Amino acid sequence: MEISYKTRGTCSRSIHITLSDDGVIESCSFEGGCPGNTQGVAALVRGMKAEEVIARCQGIQCRNGTSCPDQLARALRTAREA
């Protein structure tokens, strides 16, 4: 499953994620944002189950009541509900 999620309240503009059939993140990339941080987050979540990423990243705050990791968790929750 391929997901493109338009972020809200962060420096990044969107997140692109590929999930395997069993919910493992195969690829993740952020458009915009702080390059070192977004590349680091994307590298760390590759190979992880989406549910684990949601549990670890939801609620992390940077500004505007959210963050790039929180937006990633929101993108994954949205995909799970679809």
Protein backbone atom coordinates (compact mmCIF):
# COMPACT_ATOMS: atom_id res chain seq x y z
CA MET A 1 0.00 0.00 0.00
CA GLU A 2 1.32 3.42 -0.92
CA ILE A 3 0.38 6.44 1.19
CA SER A 4 0.88 10.12 0.45
CA TYR A 5 -0.11 12.28 3.42
CA LYS A 6 -0.24 16.07 3.40
CA THR A 7 1.15 17.21 6.75
CA ARG A 8 -0.34 19.99 8.85
CA GLY A 9 1.45 22.28 11.31
CA THR A 10 5.00 21.18 10.45
CA CYS A 11 7.86 22.33 8.25
CA SER A 12 7.52 19.18 6.16
CA ARG A 13 4.84 19.36 3.46
CA SER A 14 4.05 15.69 2.97
CA ILE A 15 5.05 12.14 3.84
CA HIS A 16 5.27 9.23 1.40
CA ILE A 17 5.08 5.72 2.85
CA THR A 18 5.01 2.22 1.40
CA LEU A 19 3.54 -0.49 3.64
CA SER A 20 3.78 -4.24 3.07
CA ASP A 21 0.66 -6.39 3.26
CA ASP A 22 1.48 -7.26 6.87
CA GLY A 23 1.83 -3.60 7.94
CA VAL A 24 5.62 -3.22 7.85
CA ILE A 25 7.03 0.08 6.60
CA GLU A 26 9.06 -0.67 3.47
CA SER A 27 9.91 2.94 2.63
CA CYS A 28 9.29 6.36 4.11
CA SER A 29 10.27 9.84 2.95
CA PHE A 30 9.37 13.37 3.94
CA GLU A 31 9.00 16.28 1.55
CA GLY A 32 10.44 19.39 3.17
CA GLY A 33 11.23 19.73 6.84
CA CYS A 34 14.60 19.56 8.59
CA PRO A 35 16.59 17.19 6.36
CA GLY A 36 18.64 15.50 9.07
CA ASN A 37 15.66 14.89 11.31
CA THR A 38 13.25 13.70 8.64
CA GLN A 39 15.86 11.45 6.99
CA GLY A 40 16.71 10.04 10.41
CA VAL A 41 13.09 9.33 11.30
CA ALA A 42 12.50 7.75 7.88
CA ALA A 43 15.55 5.50 8.26
CA LEU A 44 14.61 4.45 11.79
CA VAL A 45 11.04 3.44 10.93
CA ARG A 46 11.95 1.33 7.87
CA GLY A 47 11.32 -2.31 8.73
CA MET A 48 9.08 -1.48 11.70
CA LYS A 49 5.42 -2.42 12.07
CA ALA A 50 3.14 0.58 11.55
CA GLU A 51 1.47 -0.06 14.93
CA GLU A 52 4.81 0.24 16.73
CA VAL A 53 5.63 3.50 14.95
CA ILE A 54 2.21 4.90 15.89
CA ALA A 55 2.73 3.94 19.55
CA ARG A 56 6.21 5.49 19.67
CA CYS A 57 5.62 8.66 17.62
CA GLN A 58 2.09 9.84 18.35
CA GLY A 59 1.95 12.92 20.53
CA ILE A 60 5.56 14.04 20.04
CA GLN A 61 5.49 17.82 19.83
CA CYS A 62 7.74 20.30 18.07
CA ARG A 63 5.47 23.23 17.27
CA ASN A 64 1.78 23.87 16.65
CA GLY A 65 0.87 20.88 18.82
CA THR A 66 2.48 18.35 16.46
CA SER A 67 5.78 17.29 14.88
CA CYS A 68 7.02 15.35 11.87
CA PRO A 69 7.03 12.07 13.86
CA ASP A 70 3.50 12.83 15.12
CA GLN A 71 2.37 13.54 11.55
CA LEU A 72 3.86 10.19 10.52
CA ALA A 73 1.81 8.48 13.23
CA ARG A 74 -1.30 10.33 12.01
CA ALA A 75 -0.61 9.25 8.41
CA LEU A 76 -0.31 5.62 9.50
CA ARG A 77 -3.49 5.81 11.61
CA THR A 78 -5.35 7.31 8.65
CA ALA A 79 -4.13 4.48 6.40
CA ARG A 80 -5.14 1.87 8.97
CA GLU A 81 -8.67 3.31 9.14
CA ALA A 82 -9.08 3.36 5.34
